[in-house]
Amino acid sequence: MTYIIRPMAKEDIAQVNEIDHEAFPTQWPPPNYYQEIKNKIAHYLVAYDNTRILSGSPHVHEKKTNKASWLFPWRKHALAVEIPPPEYYVVGFAGIWMLADEAHITNLAVRGEYRRRGLGELLLIALIDLADELKARFMTLEVRASNLVAQSLYSKYSFMEMGVRRGYYIDNREDAIIMSTDVLSSYSFKEHIKQLRESLQKKLA
C-alpha cells in the first residue's frame, strides 16, 4: 500500500467530509473546509492511497512511489506536488491553525478501514514537519478526555498534558485535555521525532 501526503485542495473536500463525519459524528458546527482552504491561518493535509481509486471512476494509472518517501523529508517538495485527479481515494486528513508562533492542531482523522496501520502517525509527523516549516515555536491541541487512543498517540510524540477545558465539547459537555509540545527547535524534541520517524519508516517498508 502506498500513501501520499500533500496539501488539501477543493477537489478533496467531498472525501474529507466523509472522513470527518465518520470520525466526528457529533461535531457541531461541522467544519466548512471550503472556507478553511481560503483561511490564511489554516493549513490542511490529505493522505491518499495511491493504489486505489473511487468506485465507479475511470481507470487511473498507478504512480510508482516509495510508500514512505515523503518522510526524509516530505516538506521540501510536497507543496509542489501535482494535485492528482479526484478519483484517488483520500484515506485521512489533518490540519493546523497558525496562531502567532503556535501551531494548533484542528483535526486529525483516518478512515475506519485504514486505522491501526500507522497512517495517523504519518499525518502527525507531517503536521510536525509543516509546523516547523511555518516557523511555529510549539504545537497545541485539545482532545476529548475519553479519547485515550488519541491521547496515547500524542503522548508518544512528546505532547504533554497542560490542563483541562471543562465542558468543552458542546454535544455532551465532555472535558477537553489540553496538550502541548516542548519547543519544536529543541534538540531533545527533534531527536525524539527523528527516532520515531525512522521507526515508522521501517514499519511501513
Protein backbone atom coordinates (compact mmCIF):
# COMPACT_ATOMS: atom_id res chain seq x y z
CA MET A 1 0.00 0.00 0.00
CA THR A 2 1.28 3.44 -0.92
CA TYR A 3 0.33 6.64 0.91
CA ILE A 4 0.96 10.11 -0.46
CA ILE A 5 0.55 13.19 1.75
CA ARG A 6 0.05 16.63 0.22
CA PRO A 7 -1.83 19.90 0.81
CA MET A 8 -5.63 19.65 0.70
CA ALA A 9 -7.34 21.03 -2.42
CA LYS A 10 -11.00 21.73 -3.13
CA GLU A 11 -11.15 18.52 -5.16
CA ASP A 12 -10.58 16.58 -1.91
CA ILE A 13 -13.32 18.16 0.16
CA ALA A 14 -16.14 15.70 -0.63
CA GLN A 15 -13.99 12.82 0.60
CA VAL A 16 -12.65 14.84 3.55
CA ASN A 17 -16.24 15.49 4.64
CA GLU A 18 -16.94 11.73 4.53
CA ILE A 19 -13.98 11.06 6.80
CA ASP A 20 -14.93 13.95 9.10
CA HIS A 21 -18.49 12.66 9.52
CA GLU A 22 -17.22 9.15 10.23
CA ALA A 23 -14.60 10.25 12.76
CA PHE A 24 -16.53 13.10 14.41
CA PRO A 25 -20.25 12.25 14.01
CA THR A 26 -21.38 14.61 16.79
CA GLN A 27 -19.27 17.60 15.84
CA TRP A 28 -21.22 20.87 15.77
CA PRO A 29 -20.97 23.08 13.90
CA PRO A 30 -19.33 20.94 11.23
CA PRO A 31 -16.20 22.48 9.68
CA ASN A 32 -16.58 24.20 6.34
CA TYR A 33 -13.47 23.03 4.50
CA TYR A 34 -14.14 25.28 1.51
CA GLN A 35 -13.76 28.23 3.88
CA GLU A 36 -10.75 26.62 5.55
CA ILE A 37 -8.89 26.42 2.23
CA LYS A 38 -9.28 30.22 1.96
CA ASN A 39 -8.41 30.79 5.62
CA LYS A 40 -4.87 32.22 5.71
CA ILE A 41 -4.09 30.75 9.12
CA ALA A 42 -5.35 27.25 8.22
CA HIS A 43 -3.12 24.59 6.68
CA TYR A 44 -4.55 21.17 5.84
CA LEU A 45 -3.00 17.98 4.51
CA VAL A 46 -4.62 14.91 2.99
CA ALA A 47 -3.31 11.37 2.66
CA TYR A 48 -4.45 9.25 -0.24
CA ASP A 49 -3.98 5.61 -1.15
CA ASN A 50 -2.01 5.68 -4.37
CA THR A 51 -3.12 2.15 -5.27
CA ARG A 52 -6.88 2.75 -5.08
CA ILE A 53 -9.42 4.88 -6.90
CA LEU A 54 -13.03 5.72 -6.08
CA SER A 55 -15.59 3.11 -7.02
CA GLY A 56 -17.03 3.80 -10.46
CA SER A 57 -14.18 6.09 -11.50
CA PRO A 58 -12.40 5.58 -14.81
CA HIS A 59 -9.10 3.71 -14.65
CA VAL A 60 -6.20 5.79 -13.37
CA HIS A 61 -2.65 4.61 -13.91
CA GLU A 62 -0.91 3.99 -10.61
CA LYS A 63 2.09 6.17 -9.89
CA LYS A 64 5.10 4.28 -8.59
CA THR A 65 6.05 5.92 -5.31
CA ASN A 66 8.03 4.81 -2.29
CA LYS A 67 5.42 4.41 0.45
CA ALA A 68 7.44 6.49 2.91
CA SER A 69 9.39 8.69 0.52
CA TRP A 70 7.96 11.91 1.97
CA LEU A 71 9.50 11.18 5.35
CA PHE A 72 13.07 12.21 4.51
CA PRO A 73 11.82 14.95 4.33
CA TRP A 74 8.49 15.49 2.60
CA ARG A 75 8.14 19.22 3.17
CA LYS A 76 10.79 20.44 0.73
CA HIS A 77 8.81 19.18 -2.23
CA ALA A 78 5.28 18.40 -1.04
CA LEU A 79 3.87 21.85 -1.72
CA ALA A 80 4.90 21.47 -5.36
CA VAL A 81 3.38 18.00 -5.82
CA GLU A 82 0.88 17.90 -8.66
CA ILE A 83 -2.67 17.51 -7.37
CA PRO A 84 -3.94 14.10 -8.50
CA PRO A 85 -7.36 13.59 -10.08
CA PRO A 86 -10.31 13.48 -7.67
CA GLU A 87 -10.67 9.75 -8.44
CA TYR A 88 -7.85 8.99 -5.98
CA TYR A 89 -9.03 7.63 -2.66
CA VAL A 90 -8.43 10.01 0.26
CA VAL A 91 -7.87 7.97 3.43
CA GLY A 92 -7.04 10.61 6.02
CA PHE A 93 -6.54 14.31 6.65
CA ALA A 94 -5.14 16.64 9.27
CA GLY A 95 -4.86 20.37 9.83
CA ILE A 96 -3.34 23.13 11.89
CA TRP A 97 -4.10 26.79 12.53
CA MET A 98 -1.10 29.07 12.85
CA LEU A 99 -1.75 31.44 15.75
CA ALA A 100 1.32 33.67 16.17
CA ASP A 101 4.11 31.18 16.99
CA GLU A 102 1.68 28.37 17.90
CA ALA A 103 0.58 25.59 15.53
CA HIS A 104 -2.78 24.42 16.85
CA ILE A 105 -3.93 21.01 15.59
CA THR A 106 -7.56 21.34 14.49
CA ASN A 107 -8.21 17.87 13.08
CA LEU A 108 -6.56 14.52 12.53
CA ALA A 109 -8.76 11.76 11.15
CA VAL A 110 -8.37 8.47 9.27
CA ARG A 111 -10.98 6.32 7.53
CA GLY A 112 -12.07 3.45 9.75
CA GLU A 113 -10.81 0.76 7.39
CA TYR A 114 -7.31 2.35 7.38
CA ARG A 115 -6.85 2.72 11.13
CA ARG A 116 -4.13 0.89 13.08
CA ARG A 117 -1.82 0.93 10.06
CA GLY A 118 0.41 3.82 11.07
CA LEU A 119 -1.43 6.39 8.97
CA GLY A 120 -2.31 8.56 11.97
CA GLU A 121 1.38 8.70 12.84
CA LEU A 122 2.26 9.61 9.25
CA LEU A 123 -0.17 12.50 9.35
CA LEU A 124 1.06 13.67 12.76
CA ILE A 125 4.70 13.66 11.61
CA ALA A 126 3.63 15.58 8.51
CA LEU A 127 1.92 18.19 10.71
CA ILE A 128 5.04 18.50 12.85
CA ASP A 129 7.14 19.00 9.71
CA LEU A 130 4.64 21.54 8.42
CA ALA A 131 4.59 23.44 11.73
CA ASP A 132 8.38 23.55 11.67
CA GLU A 133 8.34 24.81 8.08
CA LEU A 134 5.90 27.56 9.10
CA LYS A 135 8.25 28.61 11.94
CA ALA A 136 5.96 27.55 14.78
CA ARG A 137 7.64 27.52 18.17
CA PHE A 138 5.40 24.79 19.61
CA MET A 139 2.20 22.83 18.89
CA THR A 140 -1.02 22.53 20.89
CA LEU A 141 -4.33 20.69 20.69
CA GLU A 142 -7.47 19.71 22.56
CA VAL A 143 -8.57 16.08 22.76
CA ARG A 144 -11.63 14.51 24.36
CA ALA A 145 -10.98 13.20 27.85
CA SER A 146 -12.46 9.85 26.79
CA ASN A 147 -10.27 9.52 23.67
CA LEU A 148 -7.44 7.57 25.25
CA VAL A 149 -6.18 6.23 21.91
CA ALA A 150 -5.55 9.74 20.58
CA GLN A 151 -4.01 10.84 23.89
CA SER A 152 -1.62 7.88 23.71
CA LEU A 153 -0.55 8.80 20.18
CA TYR A 154 0.08 12.43 21.09
CA SER A 155 1.97 11.46 24.24
CA LYS A 156 4.18 9.18 22.14
CA TYR A 157 5.10 12.25 20.08
CA SER A 158 6.00 14.34 23.14
CA PHE A 159 2.71 16.19 23.62
CA MET A 160 2.27 16.81 27.34
CA GLU A 161 -0.95 17.38 29.28
CA MET A 162 -1.14 21.07 30.21
CA GLY A 163 -4.65 21.42 31.61
CA VAL A 164 -8.36 20.76 31.13
CA ARG A 165 -11.15 22.74 29.46
CA ARG A 166 -14.29 21.82 31.39
CA GLY A 167 -17.39 21.06 29.33
CA TYR A 168 -15.54 21.99 26.11
CA TYR A 169 -17.46 19.73 23.71
CA ILE A 170 -20.95 21.08 23.21
CA ASP A 171 -22.55 17.81 22.10
CA ASN A 172 -22.15 16.14 25.51
CA ARG A 173 -20.27 18.74 27.62
CA GLU A 174 -17.26 16.44 27.79
CA ASP A 175 -14.00 17.88 29.07
CA ALA A 176 -11.07 18.52 26.72
CA ILE A 177 -7.50 17.68 27.65
CA ILE A 178 -5.09 20.44 26.56
CA MET A 179 -1.78 19.09 25.27
CA SER A 180 1.33 20.87 24.06
CA THR A 181 4.81 20.05 22.81
CA ASP A 182 8.12 21.38 24.00
CA VAL A 183 9.85 23.91 21.73
CA LEU A 184 9.96 22.33 18.27
CA SER A 185 13.51 23.51 17.63
CA SER A 186 14.87 21.93 20.82
CA TYR A 187 17.45 19.20 20.40
CA SER A 188 15.54 16.71 22.55
CA PHE A 189 12.30 17.13 20.59
CA LYS A 190 13.99 16.89 17.19
CA GLU A 191 15.94 13.78 18.19
CA HIS A 192 12.81 12.09 19.54
CA ILE A 193 10.84 12.79 16.35
CA LYS A 194 13.79 11.61 14.24
CA GLN A 195 13.81 8.27 16.06
CA LEU A 196 10.04 7.86 15.70
CA ARG A 197 10.23 8.78 12.02
CA GLU A 198 12.91 6.14 11.38
CA SER A 199 10.98 3.52 13.33
CA LEU A 200 7.78 4.24 11.40
CA GLN A 201 9.57 4.05 8.08
CA LYS A 202 10.87 0.59 8.95
CA LYS A 203 7.38 -0.46 10.00
CA LEU A 204 5.91 0.65 6.67
CA ALA A 205 8.73 -0.71 4.50
